[in-house]
Amino acid sequence: MGNDGNKSIVSLRVAYESELERFKADLQEAFRVSAEREFGHTLDKPIPSDEDVEESFRADGAIVYQILVDEKIAGGAIVLIDEVTQCNKLSLFFILNGKHDRGVGYKAWKAIEERHPKTKIWETFTPYFEKRNIHFYVNKCGFKIVGFYNKHHPDPDHRHDGDAGEKDEMFKFEKQMEWAESAEPAAVSSNRRAGHEVMRFR
């Protein structure tokens, strides 16, 4: 990526089936680094688990996006879109280690919002120890914390491992969108090119 930020762009592309195994590995590596830094020891199993990632791939309404910077993969996201209620979920979201600068995550999230302009509410989760993610969702992207799931108040929709302990504690976030359900922001049509949402760095 060049030094001139104005020449760098963030865009989305739907992942190919052949890319899903690499997508899963990159996602788990991104989470591993944060988790091991927090807990101070090597993890004995990946976070999230293979089963959880693959379940997200197969979920109803799932779309797997590659996040691109100058057409090169820099992260990924899985969204679950409910075309009836438009209460949609950001199931998983990550930026590759070493790419957490220049606003890549924020630009990628704005591209996701613009790709799904009819969304009424976005919902997502993050582990309690991911302070960077909590800051990102609340202070950058406008989400609000609406729940905290733990062994005393488990998430009814999530399969918990019996020995997960603190690693299974999650914050739930929601973001209510401001624009009208039927109104597509002008920026979407002007920035769409060949199926990509394009966001320029400032």
Protein backbone atom coordinates (compact mmCIF):
# COMPACT_ATOMS: atom_id res chain seq x y z
CA MET A 1 0.00 0.00 0.00
CA GLY A 2 1.45 3.31 -1.04
CA ASN A 3 2.14 6.25 1.22
CA ASP A 4 -0.42 8.48 -0.46
CA GLY A 5 -3.66 7.63 1.35
CA ASN A 6 -5.76 9.33 -1.32
CA LYS A 7 -4.74 6.62 -3.79
CA SER A 8 -5.72 3.73 -1.50
CA ILE A 9 -9.26 2.40 -1.47
CA VAL A 10 -11.18 -0.04 0.69
CA SER A 11 -13.78 -2.18 -1.06
CA LEU A 12 -15.83 -5.33 -0.55
CA ARG A 13 -16.03 -8.48 -2.62
CA VAL A 14 -18.11 -11.58 -1.98
CA ALA A 15 -15.73 -14.41 -1.08
CA TYR A 16 -15.35 -17.36 -3.41
CA GLU A 17 -16.08 -20.84 -2.09
CA SER A 18 -12.43 -21.74 -2.62
CA GLU A 19 -11.37 -18.92 -0.26
CA LEU A 20 -13.39 -19.97 2.79
CA GLU A 21 -10.74 -22.14 4.45
CA ARG A 22 -8.18 -19.33 4.20
CA PHE A 23 -10.82 -16.88 5.40
CA LYS A 24 -11.41 -19.03 8.49
CA ALA A 25 -7.68 -19.34 9.21
CA ASP A 26 -7.11 -15.59 8.85
CA LEU A 27 -10.06 -14.86 11.13
CA GLN A 28 -8.84 -17.24 13.82
CA GLU A 29 -5.31 -15.86 13.61
CA ALA A 30 -6.60 -12.32 14.13
CA PHE A 31 -8.54 -13.40 17.21
CA ARG A 32 -5.67 -15.56 18.50
CA VAL A 33 -3.27 -12.64 18.72
CA SER A 34 -5.71 -10.55 20.75
CA ALA A 35 -6.73 -13.42 23.03
CA GLU A 36 -3.17 -14.53 23.80
CA ARG A 37 -2.17 -10.96 24.53
CA GLU A 38 -5.06 -10.69 26.99
CA PHE A 39 -4.72 -14.06 28.71
CA GLY A 40 -0.93 -14.27 28.64
CA HIS A 41 -0.66 -17.83 27.37
CA THR A 42 -0.99 -19.85 24.17
CA LEU A 43 -4.53 -20.93 23.33
CA ASP A 44 -5.16 -24.64 23.15
CA LYS A 45 -7.96 -24.24 20.61
CA PRO A 46 -8.96 -21.56 18.10
CA ILE A 47 -11.29 -18.65 18.82
CA PRO A 48 -13.83 -18.73 17.31
CA SER A 49 -14.02 -22.48 16.86
CA ASP A 50 -14.08 -24.14 13.45
CA GLU A 51 -17.68 -25.13 14.15
CA ASP A 52 -18.76 -21.57 14.93
CA VAL A 53 -17.13 -20.13 11.81
CA GLU A 54 -18.54 -22.83 9.55
CA GLU A 55 -21.97 -22.38 11.12
CA SER A 56 -21.77 -18.69 10.20
CA PHE A 57 -20.85 -19.61 6.61
CA ARG A 58 -24.00 -21.76 6.38
CA ALA A 59 -26.43 -19.55 8.29
CA ASP A 60 -29.61 -18.29 6.64
CA GLY A 61 -28.96 -15.03 4.82
CA ALA A 62 -25.18 -15.28 5.21
CA ILE A 63 -22.93 -13.25 2.92
CA VAL A 64 -19.16 -13.65 3.27
CA TYR A 65 -17.21 -10.55 2.26
CA GLN A 66 -13.52 -10.13 1.63
CA ILE A 67 -12.30 -6.70 2.71
CA LEU A 68 -9.88 -5.36 0.12
CA VAL A 69 -7.34 -2.55 0.23
CA ASP A 70 -6.20 -1.69 -3.28
CA GLU A 71 -7.77 -5.00 -4.40
CA LYS A 72 -5.66 -7.01 -1.92
CA ILE A 73 -7.29 -8.96 0.91
CA ALA A 74 -6.97 -7.11 4.23
CA GLY A 75 -9.72 -8.75 6.27
CA GLY A 76 -13.20 -10.16 6.07
CA ALA A 77 -16.76 -10.06 7.35
CA ILE A 78 -19.81 -12.30 7.52
CA VAL A 79 -23.20 -10.62 7.60
CA LEU A 80 -26.59 -12.27 8.08
CA ILE A 81 -29.29 -10.44 6.14
CA ASP A 82 -33.00 -10.82 6.94
CA GLU A 83 -34.79 -9.42 3.90
CA VAL A 84 -38.14 -9.38 5.74
CA THR A 85 -37.33 -7.67 9.03
CA GLN A 86 -34.10 -5.91 7.95
CA CYS A 87 -32.78 -6.59 11.44
CA ASN A 88 -29.37 -7.73 10.25
CA LYS A 89 -26.31 -9.16 11.99
CA LEU A 90 -22.59 -8.64 11.65
CA SER A 91 -21.69 -12.20 12.55
CA LEU A 92 -17.90 -11.95 12.25
CA PHE A 93 -15.54 -9.12 11.32
CA PHE A 94 -11.76 -8.96 11.29
CA ILE A 95 -8.83 -7.06 9.88
CA LEU A 96 -5.59 -8.92 9.19
CA ASN A 97 -2.83 -8.45 11.73
CA GLY A 98 -0.64 -5.59 10.59
CA LYS A 99 -3.52 -3.82 8.80
CA HIS A 100 -5.03 -2.05 11.82
CA ASP A 101 -4.18 1.44 10.66
CA ARG A 102 -5.32 4.11 8.22
CA GLY A 103 -8.97 3.49 9.12
CA VAL A 104 -9.34 0.22 7.20
CA GLY A 105 -11.85 -1.25 9.66
CA TYR A 106 -14.03 1.85 9.74
CA LYS A 107 -14.03 2.24 5.96
CA ALA A 108 -14.90 -1.45 5.59
CA TRP A 109 -17.79 -1.11 8.03
CA LYS A 110 -19.16 1.95 6.20
CA ALA A 111 -18.97 -0.02 2.95
CA ILE A 112 -21.02 -2.81 4.57
CA GLU A 113 -23.62 -0.30 5.73
CA GLU A 114 -23.86 1.12 2.24
CA ARG A 115 -24.12 -2.32 0.67
CA HIS A 116 -27.25 -2.93 2.81
CA PRO A 117 -29.04 0.46 2.91
CA LYS A 118 -32.44 -0.95 3.95
CA THR A 119 -31.10 -2.23 7.26
CA LYS A 120 -33.10 -0.98 10.24
CA ILE A 121 -30.91 -2.42 12.99
CA TRP A 122 -27.44 -3.93 12.95
CA GLU A 123 -26.51 -6.39 15.69
CA THR A 124 -23.10 -7.79 16.58
CA PHE A 125 -21.11 -9.35 19.42
CA THR A 126 -17.52 -9.22 20.61
CA PRO A 127 -15.61 -10.96 23.42
CA TYR A 128 -15.42 -8.95 26.63
CA PHE A 129 -11.61 -8.70 26.45
CA GLU A 130 -11.52 -7.16 22.96
CA LYS A 131 -11.11 -3.55 24.12
CA ARG A 132 -10.08 -2.43 20.65
CA ASN A 133 -13.29 -3.87 19.20
CA ILE A 134 -15.45 -2.34 21.93
CA HIS A 135 -13.90 1.07 21.23
CA PHE A 136 -14.36 0.52 17.48
CA TYR A 137 -18.04 -0.41 17.63
CA VAL A 138 -19.12 2.13 20.26
CA ASN A 139 -16.93 5.17 19.62
CA LYS A 140 -16.27 4.84 15.89
CA CYS A 141 -19.28 3.08 14.39
CA GLY A 142 -22.12 4.26 16.62
CA PHE A 143 -23.21 0.96 18.19
CA LYS A 144 -24.62 0.75 21.71
CA ILE A 145 -23.97 -2.03 24.21
CA VAL A 146 -27.32 -3.71 24.92
CA GLY A 147 -26.28 -6.93 26.65
CA PHE A 148 -23.53 -8.88 28.36
CA TYR A 149 -23.60 -12.67 28.10
CA ASN A 150 -21.75 -14.82 30.63
CA LYS A 151 -22.22 -18.02 32.64
CA HIS A 152 -24.89 -16.34 34.76
CA HIS A 153 -26.69 -14.88 31.73
CA PRO A 154 -25.92 -17.07 28.68
CA ASP A 155 -26.77 -16.12 25.13
CA PRO A 156 -29.80 -18.30 24.30
CA ASP A 157 -28.84 -18.45 20.62
CA HIS A 158 -25.22 -19.54 21.12
CA ARG A 159 -23.83 -23.02 21.78
CA HIS A 160 -21.50 -22.71 24.77
CA ASP A 161 -18.61 -25.01 25.57
CA GLY A 162 -18.83 -26.19 29.13
CA ASP A 163 -15.22 -25.23 29.92
CA ALA A 164 -15.12 -21.96 28.00
CA GLY A 165 -15.24 -19.82 31.15
CA GLU A 166 -14.34 -16.16 30.71
CA LYS A 167 -13.41 -16.66 27.07
CA ASP A 168 -17.13 -17.17 26.37
CA GLU A 169 -18.20 -13.82 27.85
CA MET A 170 -19.57 -11.52 25.15
CA PHE A 171 -20.94 -8.01 24.77
CA LYS A 172 -23.94 -7.55 22.48
CA PHE A 173 -24.16 -4.36 20.41
CA GLU A 174 -26.94 -2.80 18.35
CA LYS A 175 -27.02 0.12 15.95
CA GLN A 176 -30.32 1.61 14.81
CA MET A 177 -29.99 3.13 11.36
CA GLU A 178 -31.22 6.65 10.72
CA TRP A 179 -32.10 6.68 7.04
CA ALA A 180 -35.53 5.64 5.76
CA GLU A 181 -36.01 1.97 4.89
CA SER A 182 -36.68 2.62 1.21
CA ALA A 183 -34.15 5.43 0.68
CA GLU A 184 -30.77 4.39 -0.64
CA PRO A 185 -28.06 6.94 0.18
CA ALA A 186 -26.77 8.76 -2.87
CA ALA A 187 -23.22 7.79 -1.95
CA VAL A 188 -24.03 4.16 -2.60
CA SER A 189 -24.91 4.53 -6.27
CA SER A 190 -22.10 6.98 -6.91
CA ASN A 191 -19.50 4.73 -5.32
CA ARG A 192 -20.59 1.40 -6.74
CA ARG A 193 -18.22 0.00 -9.34
CA ALA A 194 -18.49 -3.54 -10.62
CA GLY A 195 -20.31 -4.73 -7.51
CA HIS A 196 -17.83 -3.16 -5.07
CA GLU A 197 -18.48 -0.51 -2.46
CA VAL A 198 -15.46 1.79 -2.68
CA MET A 199 -14.30 3.97 0.20
CA ARG A 200 -11.37 6.34 -0.24
CA PHE A 201 -9.01 7.07 2.63
CA ARG A 202 -8.89 10.64 3.77
